[in-house]
Amino acid sequence: MKKDFGDSISNKVYEYRVLARMSQQDLAEKVGVSKQTIFVMEKGNYVPTLLLAFRIADFFNVDVNDIFTYVKGNDQNDN
Protein backbone atom coordinates (compact mmCIF):
# COMPACT_ATOMS: atom_id res chain seq x y z
CA MET A 1 0.00 0.00 0.00
CA LYS A 2 1.29 3.43 -0.93
CA LYS A 3 1.94 5.64 2.09
CA ASP A 4 0.46 9.15 1.96
CA PHE A 5 2.79 11.62 3.64
CA GLY A 6 0.55 14.59 2.90
CA ASP A 7 3.43 16.46 1.24
CA SER A 8 2.76 19.01 -1.46
CA ILE A 9 4.40 21.59 -3.69
CA SER A 10 3.22 25.19 -3.64
CA ASN A 11 4.15 27.54 -6.44
CA LYS A 12 4.33 31.18 -7.46
CA VAL A 13 3.80 30.63 -11.17
CA TYR A 14 0.83 33.01 -11.23
CA GLU A 15 2.81 35.79 -9.52
CA TYR A 16 5.78 35.48 -11.87
CA ARG A 17 3.55 35.27 -14.94
CA VAL A 18 1.53 38.35 -13.98
CA LEU A 19 4.67 40.36 -13.17
CA ALA A 20 5.97 39.43 -16.63
CA ARG A 21 2.63 40.61 -18.11
CA MET A 22 2.08 37.29 -19.84
CA SER A 23 -1.05 35.29 -20.51
CA GLN A 24 -1.30 31.64 -19.54
CA GLN A 25 -1.11 30.82 -23.24
CA ASP A 26 2.09 32.85 -23.68
CA LEU A 27 3.82 31.05 -20.80
CA ALA A 28 2.56 27.67 -21.97
CA GLU A 29 4.06 28.22 -25.42
CA LYS A 30 7.39 29.34 -23.95
CA VAL A 31 7.77 26.23 -21.75
CA GLY A 32 6.17 23.69 -24.10
CA VAL A 33 2.91 22.78 -22.37
CA SER A 34 -0.78 23.53 -22.81
CA LYS A 35 -2.60 26.54 -21.40
CA GLN A 36 -4.63 24.08 -19.31
CA THR A 37 -1.42 22.82 -17.66
CA ILE A 38 -0.49 26.35 -16.60
CA PHE A 39 -4.07 26.95 -15.38
CA VAL A 40 -4.23 23.86 -13.15
CA MET A 41 -0.68 24.44 -11.88
CA GLU A 42 -1.55 28.00 -10.83
CA LYS A 43 -4.66 26.70 -9.04
CA GLY A 44 -2.51 24.20 -7.12
CA ASN A 45 -4.19 21.19 -8.72
CA TYR A 46 -1.14 19.95 -10.61
CA VAL A 47 2.44 19.34 -9.53
CA PRO A 48 4.78 19.72 -12.50
CA THR A 49 7.53 17.31 -13.39
CA LEU A 50 11.03 18.35 -12.39
CA LEU A 51 11.79 19.05 -16.02
CA LEU A 52 8.85 21.44 -16.35
CA ALA A 53 9.63 23.11 -13.03
CA PHE A 54 13.19 23.78 -14.22
CA ARG A 55 11.94 25.04 -17.60
CA ILE A 56 9.65 27.54 -15.88
CA ALA A 57 12.38 28.69 -13.48
CA ASP A 58 14.84 29.00 -16.36
CA PHE A 59 12.36 31.02 -18.39
CA PHE A 60 11.96 33.52 -15.53
CA ASN A 61 15.73 33.38 -14.89
CA VAL A 62 15.32 32.41 -11.21
CA ASP A 63 16.17 29.42 -9.06
CA VAL A 64 13.56 26.67 -9.10
CA ASN A 65 13.15 27.13 -5.32
CA ASP A 66 12.04 30.73 -5.89
CA ILE A 67 8.94 29.51 -7.72
CA PHE A 68 8.30 26.05 -6.25
CA THR A 69 8.27 25.27 -2.53
CA TYR A 70 8.17 21.85 -0.90
CA VAL A 71 5.59 21.72 1.88
CA LYS A 72 6.22 18.81 4.21
CA GLY A 73 3.10 17.01 5.42
CA ASN A 74 2.49 15.49 8.81
CA ASP A 75 3.01 11.74 8.79
CA GLN A 76 1.26 10.52 11.92
CA ASN A 77 1.96 6.85 11.20
CA ASP A 78 5.76 6.56 11.44
CA ASN A 79 6.86 2.96 12.02
PDB file of N, CA and C in Angstrom:
ATOM      1  N   MET A   1       0.844  -1.186   0.000  1.00  0.00           N
ATOM      2  CA  MET A   1       0.000   0.000   0.000  1.00  0.00           C
ATOM      3  C   MET A   1       0.888   1.248   0.000  1.00  0.00           C
ATOM      4  N   LYS A   2       0.546   2.181  -0.825  1.00  0.00           N
ATOM      5  CA  LYS A   2       1.294   3.433  -0.931  1.00  0.00           C
ATOM      6  C   LYS A   2       1.010   4.307   0.284  1.00  0.00           C
ATOM      7  N   LYS A   3       2.070   4.798   0.900  1.00  0.00           N
ATOM      8  CA  LYS A   3       1.943   5.638   2.087  1.00  0.00           C
ATOM      9  C   LYS A   3       1.740   7.097   1.679  1.00  0.00           C
ATOM     10  N   ASP A   4       0.750   7.745   2.257  1.00  0.00           N
ATOM     11  CA  ASP A   4       0.462   9.152   1.964  1.00  0.00           C
ATOM     12  C   ASP A   4       1.080  10.017   3.051  1.00  0.00           C
ATOM     13  N   PHE A   5       2.103  10.755   2.688  1.00  0.00           N
ATOM     14  CA  PHE A   5       2.793  11.622   3.642  1.00  0.00           C
ATOM     15  C   PHE A   5       2.119  12.988   3.764  1.00  0.00           C
ATOM     16  N   GLY A   6       1.224  13.307   2.858  1.00  0.00           N
ATOM     17  CA  GLY A   6       0.553  14.593   2.897  1.00  0.00           C
ATOM     18  C   GLY A   6       1.424  15.740   2.408  1.00  0.00           C
ATOM     19  N   ASP A   7       2.542  15.425   1.760  1.00  0.00           N
ATOM     20  CA  ASP A   7       3.434  16.457   1.238  1.00  0.00           C
ATOM     21  C   ASP A   7       2.801  17.117   0.009  1.00  0.00           C
ATOM     22  N   SER A   8       3.243  18.326  -0.277  1.00  0.00           N
ATOM     23  CA  SER A   8       2.759  19.012  -1.464  1.00  0.00           C
ATOM     24  C   SER A   8       3.819  19.990  -1.965  1.00  0.00           C
ATOM     25  N   ILE A   9       3.533  20.568  -3.102  1.00  0.00           N
ATOM     26  CA  ILE A   9       4.398  21.586  -3.695  1.00  0.00           C
ATOM     27  C   ILE A   9       3.532  22.818  -3.945  1.00  0.00           C
ATOM     28  N   SER A  10       3.912  23.935  -3.327  1.00  0.00           N
ATOM     29  CA  SER A  10       3.220  25.186  -3.637  1.00  0.00           C
ATOM     30  C   SER A  10       4.035  25.917  -4.700  1.00  0.00           C
ATOM     31  N   ASN A  11       3.406  26.838  -5.391  1.00  0.00           N
ATOM     32  CA  ASN A  11       4.148  27.536  -6.440  1.00  0.00           C
ATOM     33  C   ASN A  11       3.711  28.990  -6.553  1.00  0.00           C
ATOM     34  N   LYS A  12       4.575  29.756  -7.209  1.00  0.00           N
ATOM     35  CA  LYS A  12       4.329  31.177  -7.457  1.00  0.00           C
ATOM     36  C   LYS A  12       4.291  31.457  -8.960  1.00  0.00           C
ATOM     37  N   VAL A  13       3.847  30.470  -9.718  1.00  0.00           N
ATOM     38  CA  VAL A  13       3.799  30.629 -11.174  1.00  0.00           C
ATOM     39  C   VAL A  13       2.913  31.813 -11.546  1.00  0.00           C
ATOM     40  N   TYR A  14       1.745  31.914 -10.931  1.00  0.00           N
ATOM     41  CA  TYR A  14       0.834  33.015 -11.225  1.00  0.00           C
ATOM     42  C   TYR A  14       1.517  34.363 -11.004  1.00  0.00           C
ATOM     43  N   GLU A  15       2.166  34.524  -9.853  1.00  0.00           N
ATOM     44  CA  GLU A  15       2.806  35.795  -9.524  1.00  0.00           C
ATOM     45  C   GLU A  15       3.878  36.169 -10.545  1.00  0.00           C
ATOM     46  N   TYR A  16       4.723  35.205 -10.890  1.00  0.00           N
ATOM     47  CA  TYR A  16       5.782  35.482 -11.867  1.00  0.00           C
ATOM     48  C   TYR A  16       5.197  35.785 -13.239  1.00  0.00           C
ATOM     49  N   ARG A  17       4.159  35.055 -13.627  1.00  0.00           N
ATOM     50  CA  ARG A  17       3.547  35.272 -14.943  1.00  0.00           C
ATOM     51  C   ARG A  17       2.911  36.656 -15.026  1.00  0.00           C
ATOM     52  N   VAL A  18       2.194  37.045 -13.981  1.00  0.00           N
ATOM     53  CA  VAL A  18       1.530  38.355 -13.980  1.00  0.00           C
ATOM     54  C   VAL A  18       2.566  39.483 -13.980  1.00  0.00           C
ATOM     55  N   LEU A  19       3.613  39.332 -13.182  1.00  0.00           N
ATOM     56  CA  LEU A  19       4.666  40.356 -13.174  1.00  0.00           C
ATOM     57  C   LEU A  19       5.330  40.498 -14.536  1.00  0.00           C
ATOM     58  N   ALA A  20       5.387  39.403 -15.281  1.00  0.00           N
ATOM     59  CA  ALA A  20       5.970  39.434 -16.630  1.00  0.00           C
ATOM     60  C   ALA A  20       4.947  39.881 -17.677  1.00  0.00           C
ATOM     61  N   ARG A  21       3.712  40.168 -17.223  1.00  0.00           N
ATOM     62  CA  ARG A  21       2.634  40.608 -18.113  1.00  0.00           C
ATOM     63  C   ARG A  21       2.395  39.623 -19.258  1.00  0.00           C
ATOM     64  N   MET A  22       2.287  38.362 -18.859  1.00  0.00           N
ATOM     65  CA  MET A  22       2.078  37.289 -19.836  1.00  0.00           C
ATOM     66  C   MET A  22       0.731  36.627 -19.595  1.00  0.00           C
ATOM     67  N   SER A  23       0.153  36.104 -20.653  1.00  0.00           N
ATOM     68  CA  SER A  23      -1.054  35.293 -20.513  1.00  0.00           C
ATOM     69  C   SER A  23      -0.629  33.857 -20.197  1.00  0.00           C
ATOM     70  N   GLN A  24      -1.587  33.060 -19.764  1.00  0.00           N
ATOM     71  CA  GLN A  24      -1.298  31.642 -19.537  1.00  0.00           C
ATOM     72  C   GLN A  24      -0.850  30.992 -20.839  1.00  0.00           C
ATOM     73  N   GLN A  25      -1.479  31.373 -21.934  1.00  0.00           N
ATOM     74  CA  GLN A  25      -1.115  30.821 -23.242  1.00  0.00           C
ATOM     75  C   GLN A  25       0.323  31.187 -23.614  1.00  0.00           C
ATOM     76  N   ASP A  26       0.722  32.425 -23.363  1.00  0.00           N
ATOM     77  CA  ASP A  26       2.088  32.853 -23.676  1.00  0.00           C
ATOM     78  C   ASP A  26       3.104  32.007 -22.921  1.00  0.00           C
ATOM     79  N   LEU A  27       2.885  31.840 -21.604  1.00  0.00           N
ATOM     80  CA  LEU A  27       3.820  31.052 -20.800  1.00  0.00           C
ATOM     81  C   LEU A  27       3.826  29.603 -21.255  1.00  0.00           C
ATOM     82  N   ALA A  28       2.658  29.070 -21.515  1.00  0.00           N
ATOM     83  CA  ALA A  28       2.556  27.673 -21.965  1.00  0.00           C
ATOM     84  C   ALA A  28       3.390  27.445 -23.221  1.00  0.00           C
ATOM     85  N   GLU A  29       3.290  28.349 -24.177  1.00  0.00           N
ATOM     86  CA  GLU A  29       4.058  28.221 -25.419  1.00  0.00           C
ATOM     87  C   GLU A  29       5.556  28.298 -25.158  1.00  0.00           C
ATOM     88  N   LYS A  30       5.963  29.164 -24.236  1.00  0.00           N
ATOM     89  CA  LYS A  30       7.393  29.338 -23.945  1.00  0.00           C
ATOM     90  C   LYS A  30       8.004  28.107 -23.281  1.00  0.00           C
ATOM     91  N   VAL A  31       7.208  27.380 -22.477  1.00  0.00           N
ATOM     92  CA  VAL A  31       7.765  26.230 -21.751  1.00  0.00           C
ATOM     93  C   VAL A  31       7.307  24.889 -22.308  1.00  0.00           C
ATOM     94  N   GLY A  32       6.528  24.911 -23.391  1.00  0.00           N
ATOM     95  CA  GLY A  32       6.174  23.689 -24.098  1.00  0.00           C
ATOM     96  C   GLY A  32       5.063  22.848 -23.496  1.00  0.00           C
ATOM     97  N   VAL A  33       4.065  23.501 -22.909  1.00  0.00           N
ATOM     98  CA  VAL A  33       2.908  22.780 -22.371  1.00  0.00           C
ATOM     99  C   VAL A  33       1.627  23.465 -22.846  1.00  0.00           C
ATOM    100  N   SER A  34       0.487  22.925 -22.441  1.00  0.00           N
ATOM    101  CA  SER A  34      -0.785  23.535 -22.811  1.00  0.00           C
ATOM    102  C   SER A  34      -1.166  24.639 -21.827  1.00  0.00           C
ATOM    103  N   LYS A  35      -2.064  25.494 -22.276  1.00  0.00           N
ATOM    104  CA  LYS A  35      -2.596  26.538 -21.403  1.00  0.00           C
ATOM    105  C   LYS A  35      -3.270  25.906 -20.190  1.00  0.00           C
ATOM    106  N   GLN A  36      -3.941  24.779 -20.396  1.00  0.00           N
ATOM    107  CA  GLN A  36      -4.626  24.081 -19.311  1.00  0.00           C
ATOM    108  C   GLN A  36      -3.633  23.634 -18.233  1.00  0.00           C
ATOM    109  N   THR A  37      -2.446  23.219 -18.625  1.00  0.00           N
ATOM    110  CA  THR A  37      -1.423  22.816 -17.656  1.00  0.00           C
ATOM    111  C   THR A  37      -1.028  23.991 -16.775  1.00  0.00           C
ATOM    112  N   ILE A  38      -0.834  25.149 -17.371  1.00  0.00           N
ATOM    113  CA  ILE A  38      -0.494  26.348 -16.596  1.00  0.00           C
ATOM    114  C   ILE A  38      -1.656  26.698 -15.666  1.00  0.00           C
ATOM    115  N   PHE A  39      -2.872  26.629 -16.170  1.00  0.00           N
ATOM    116  CA  PHE A  39      -4.066  26.949 -15.383  1.00  0.00           C
ATOM    117  C   PHE A  39      -4.157  26.071 -14.137  1.00  0.00           C
ATOM    118  N   VAL A  40      -4.071  24.750 -14.310  1.00  0.00           N
ATOM    119  CA  VAL A  40      -4.226  23.861 -13.146  1.00  0.00           C
ATOM    120  C   VAL A  40      -3.028  23.952 -12.198  1.00  0.00           C
ATOM    121  N   MET A  41      -1.855  24.257 -12.728  1.00  0.00           N
ATOM    122  CA  MET A  41      -0.679  24.442 -11.876  1.00  0.00           C
ATOM    123  C   MET A  41      -0.860  25.679 -11.001  1.00  0.00           C
ATOM    124  N   GLU A  42      -1.323  26.771 -11.590  1.00  0.00           N
ATOM    125  CA  GLU A  42      -1.547  27.996 -10.830  1.00  0.00           C
ATOM    126  C   GLU A  42      -2.617  27.808  -9.752  1.00  0.00           C
ATOM    127  N   LYS A  43      -3.586  26.972 -10.013  1.00  0.00           N
ATOM    128  CA  LYS A  43      -4.656  26.696  -9.039  1.00  0.00           C
ATOM    129  C   LYS A  43      -4.197  25.730  -7.946  1.00  0.00           C
ATOM    130  N   GLY A  44      -3.010  25.147  -8.107  1.00  0.00           N
ATOM    131  CA  GLY A  44      -2.507  24.200  -7.118  1.00  0.00           C
ATOM    132  C   GLY A  44      -3.038  22.791  -7.291  1.00  0.00           C
ATOM    133  N   ASN A  45      -3.622  22.509  -8.456  1.00  0.00           N
ATOM    134  CA  ASN A  45      -4.192  21.194  -8.720  1.00  0.00           C
ATOM    135  C   ASN A  45      -3.288  20.293  -9.548  1.00  0.00           C
ATOM    136  N   TYR A  46      -2.075  20.730  -9.810  1.00  0.00           N
ATOM    137  CA  TYR A  46      -1.136  19.951 -10.611  1.00  0.00           C
ATOM    138  C   TYR A  46       0.278  20.253 -10.140  1.00  0.00           C
ATOM    139  N   VAL A  47       1.036  19.198  -9.885  1.00  0.00           N
ATOM    140  CA  VAL A  47       2.444  19.339  -9.525  1.00  0.00           C
ATOM    141  C   VAL A  47       3.249  19.011 -10.779  1.00  0.00           C
ATOM    142  N   PRO A  48       4.047  19.955 -11.251  1.00  0.00           N
ATOM    143  CA  PRO A  48       4.776  19.724 -12.496  1.00  0.00           C
ATOM    144  C   PRO A  48       5.908  18.713 -12.308  1.00  0.00           C
ATOM    145  N   THR A  49       6.336  18.144 -13.410  1.00  0.00           N
ATOM    146  CA  THR A  49       7.531  17.306 -13.388  1.00  0.00           C
ATOM    147  C   THR A  49       8.728  18.184 -13.049  1.00  0.00           C
ATOM    148  N   LEU A  50       9.809  17.575 -12.641  1.00  0.00           N
ATOM    149  CA  LEU A  50      11.034  18.346 -12.385  1.00  0.00           C
ATOM    150  C   LEU A  50      11.479  19.087 -13.635  1.00  0.00           C
ATOM    151  N   LEU A  51      11.379  18.424 -14.764  1.00  0.00           N
ATOM    152  CA  LEU A  51      11.789  19.054 -16.020  1.00  0.00           C
ATOM    153  C   LEU A  51      10.987  20.324 -16.287  1.00  0.00           C
ATOM    154  N   LEU A  52       9.675  20.253 -16.125  1.00  0.00           N
ATOM    155  CA  LEU A  52       8.847  21.435 -16.353  1.00  0.00           C
ATOM    156  C   LEU A  52       9.133  22.515 -15.312  1.00  0.00           C
ATOM    157  N   ALA A  53       9.319  22.125 -14.077  1.00  0.00           N
ATOM    158  CA  ALA A  53       9.633  23.107 -13.028  1.00  0.00           C
ATOM    159  C   ALA A  53      10.917  23.853 -13.374  1.00  0.00           C
ATOM    160  N   PHE A  54      11.933  23.129 -13.844  1.00  0.00           N
ATOM    161  CA  PHE A  54      13.188  23.781 -14.219  1.00  0.00           C
ATOM    162  C   PHE A  54      13.025  24.645 -15.466  1.00  0.00           C
ATOM    163  N   ARG A  55      12.198  24.209 -16.410  1.00  0.00           N
ATOM    164  CA  ARG A  55      11.942  25.040 -17.603  1.00  0.00           C
ATOM    165  C   ARG A  55      11.312  26.376 -17.215  1.00  0.00           C
ATOM    166  N   ILE A  56      10.330  26.311 -16.317  1.00  0.00           N
ATOM    167  CA  ILE A  56       9.651  27.537 -15.880  1.00  0.00           C
ATOM    168  C   ILE A  56      10.619  28.449 -15.145  1.00  0.00           C
ATOM    169  N   ALA A  57      11.399  27.894 -14.227  1.00  0.00           N
ATOM    170  CA  ALA A  57      12.380  28.693 -13.484  1.00  0.00           C
ATOM    171  C   ALA A  57      13.406  29.299 -14.438  1.00  0.00           C
ATOM    172  N   ASP A  58      13.865  28.507 -15.393  1.00  0.00           N
ATOM    173  CA  ASP A  58      14.844  29.000 -16.363  1.00  0.00           C
ATOM    174  C   ASP A  58      14.249  30.124 -17.200  1.00  0.00           C
ATOM    175  N   PHE A  59      12.999  29.982 -17.604  1.00  0.00           N
ATOM    176  CA  PHE A  59      12.360  31.025 -18.390  1.00  0.00           C
ATOM    177  C   PHE A  59      12.338  32.350 -17.636  1.00  0.00           C
ATOM    178  N   PHE A  60      12.008  32.292 -16.332  1.00  0.00           N
ATOM    179  CA  PHE A  60      11.955  33.517 -15.528  1.00  0.00           C
ATOM    180  C   PHE A  60      13.327  33.906 -14.971  1.00  0.00           C
ATOM    181  N   ASN A  61      14.352  33.105 -15.296  1.00  0.00           N
ATOM    182  CA  ASN A  61      15.729  33.382 -14.885  1.00  0.00           C
ATOM    183  C   ASN A  61      15.870  33.456 -13.359  1.00  0.00           C
ATOM    184  N   VAL A  62      15.234  32.506 -12.668  1.00  0.00           N
ATOM    185  CA  VAL A  62      15.316  32.414 -11.214  1.00  0.00           C
ATOM    186  C   VAL A  62      15.603  30.969 -10.828  1.00  0.00           C
ATOM    187  N   ASP A  63      15.970  30.759  -9.581  1.00  0.00           N
ATOM    188  CA  ASP A  63      16.171  29.419  -9.058  1.00  0.00           C
ATOM    189  C   ASP A  63      14.819  28.719  -8.942  1.00  0.00           C
ATOM    190  N   VAL A  64      14.804  27.429  -9.175  1.00  0.00           N
ATOM    191  CA  VAL A  64      13.556  26.668  -9.104  1.00  0.00           C
ATOM    192  C   VAL A  64      12.900  26.807  -7.726  1.00  0.00           C
ATOM    193  N   ASN A  65      13.694  26.972  -6.673  1.00  0.00           N
ATOM    194  CA  ASN A  65      13.151  27.132  -5.324  1.00  0.00           C
ATOM    195  C   ASN A  65      12.478  28.488  -5.107  1.00  0.00           C
ATOM    196  N   ASP A  66      12.726  29.436  -5.984  1.00  0.00           N
ATOM    197  CA  ASP A  66      12.042  30.726  -5.888  1.00  0.00           C
ATOM    198  C   ASP A  66      10.585  30.619  -6.333  1.00  0.00           C
ATOM    199  N   ILE A  67      10.297  29.667  -7.194  1.00  0.00           N
ATOM    200  CA  ILE A  67       8.941  29.505  -7.716  1.00  0.00           C
ATOM    201  C   ILE A  67       8.208  28.342  -7.052  1.00  0.00           C
ATOM    202  N   PHE A  68       8.921  27.257  -6.797  1.00  0.00           N
ATOM    203  CA  PHE A  68       8.302  26.052  -6.249  1.00  0.00           C
ATOM    204  C   PHE A  68       8.827  25.784  -4.844  1.00  0.00           C
ATOM    205  N   THR A  69       7.912  25.501  -3.922  1.00  0.00           N
ATOM    206  CA  THR A  69       8.269  25.272  -2.527  1.00  0.00           C
ATOM    207  C   THR A  69       7.711  23.938  -2.051  1.00  0.00           C
ATOM    208  N   TYR A  70       8.584  23.131  -1.483  1.00  0.00           N
ATOM    209  CA  TYR A  70       8.170  21.855  -0.901  1.00  0.00           C
ATOM    210  C   TYR A  70       7.516  22.112   0.445  1.00  0.00           C
ATOM    211  N   VAL A  71       6.320  21.571   0.624  1.00  0.00           N
ATOM    212  CA  VAL A  71       5.589  21.717   1.877  1.00  0.00           C
ATOM    213  C   VAL A  71       5.464  20.327   2.486  1.00  0.00           C
ATOM    214  N   LYS A  72       6.204  20.115   3.573  1.00  0.00           N
ATOM    215  CA  LYS A  72       6.219  18.810   4.213  1.00  0.00           C
ATOM    216  C   LYS A  72       4.916  18.568   4.954  1.00  0.00           C
ATOM    217  N   GLY A  73       4.328  17.392   4.740  1.00  0.00           N
ATOM    218  CA  GLY A  73       3.103  17.009   5.419  1.00  0.00           C
ATOM    219  C   GLY A  73       3.394  16.428   6.787  1.00  0.00           C
ATOM    220  N   ASN A  74       2.354  16.104   7.494  1.00  0.00           N
ATOM    221  CA  ASN A  74       2.486  15.486   8.810  1.00  0.00           C
ATOM    222  C   ASN A  74       2.181  14.004   8.675  1.00  0.00           C
ATOM    223  N   ASP A  75       3.211  13.172   8.835  1.00  0.00           N
ATOM    224  CA  ASP A  75       3.006  11.737   8.791  1.00  0.00           C
ATOM    225  C   ASP A  75       2.820  11.241  10.213  1.00  0.00           C
ATOM    226  N   GLN A  76       1.604  10.942  10.560  1.00  0.00           N
ATOM    227  CA  GLN A  76       1.255  10.523  11.921  1.00  0.00           C
ATOM    228  C   GLN A  76       1.536   9.044  12.150  1.00  0.00           C
ATOM    229  N   ASN A  77       1.840   8.292  11.081  1.00  0.00           N
ATOM    230  CA  ASN A  77       1.960   6.846  11.198  1.00  0.00           C
ATOM    231  C   ASN A  77       3.385   6.356  11.001  1.00  0.00           C
ATOM    232  N   ASP A  78       4.375   7.020  11.558  1.00  0.00           N
ATOM    233  CA  ASP A  78       5.755   6.565  11.441  1.00  0.00           C
ATOM    234  C   ASP A  78       5.916   5.213  12.122  1.00  0.00           C
ATOM    235  N   ASN A  79       6.595   4.283  11.442  1.00  0.00           N
ATOM    236  CA  ASN A  79       6.857   2.962  12.025  1.00  0.00           C
ATOM    237  C   ASN A  79       8.308   2.818  12.344  1.00  0.00           C
TER     238      ASN A  79
END
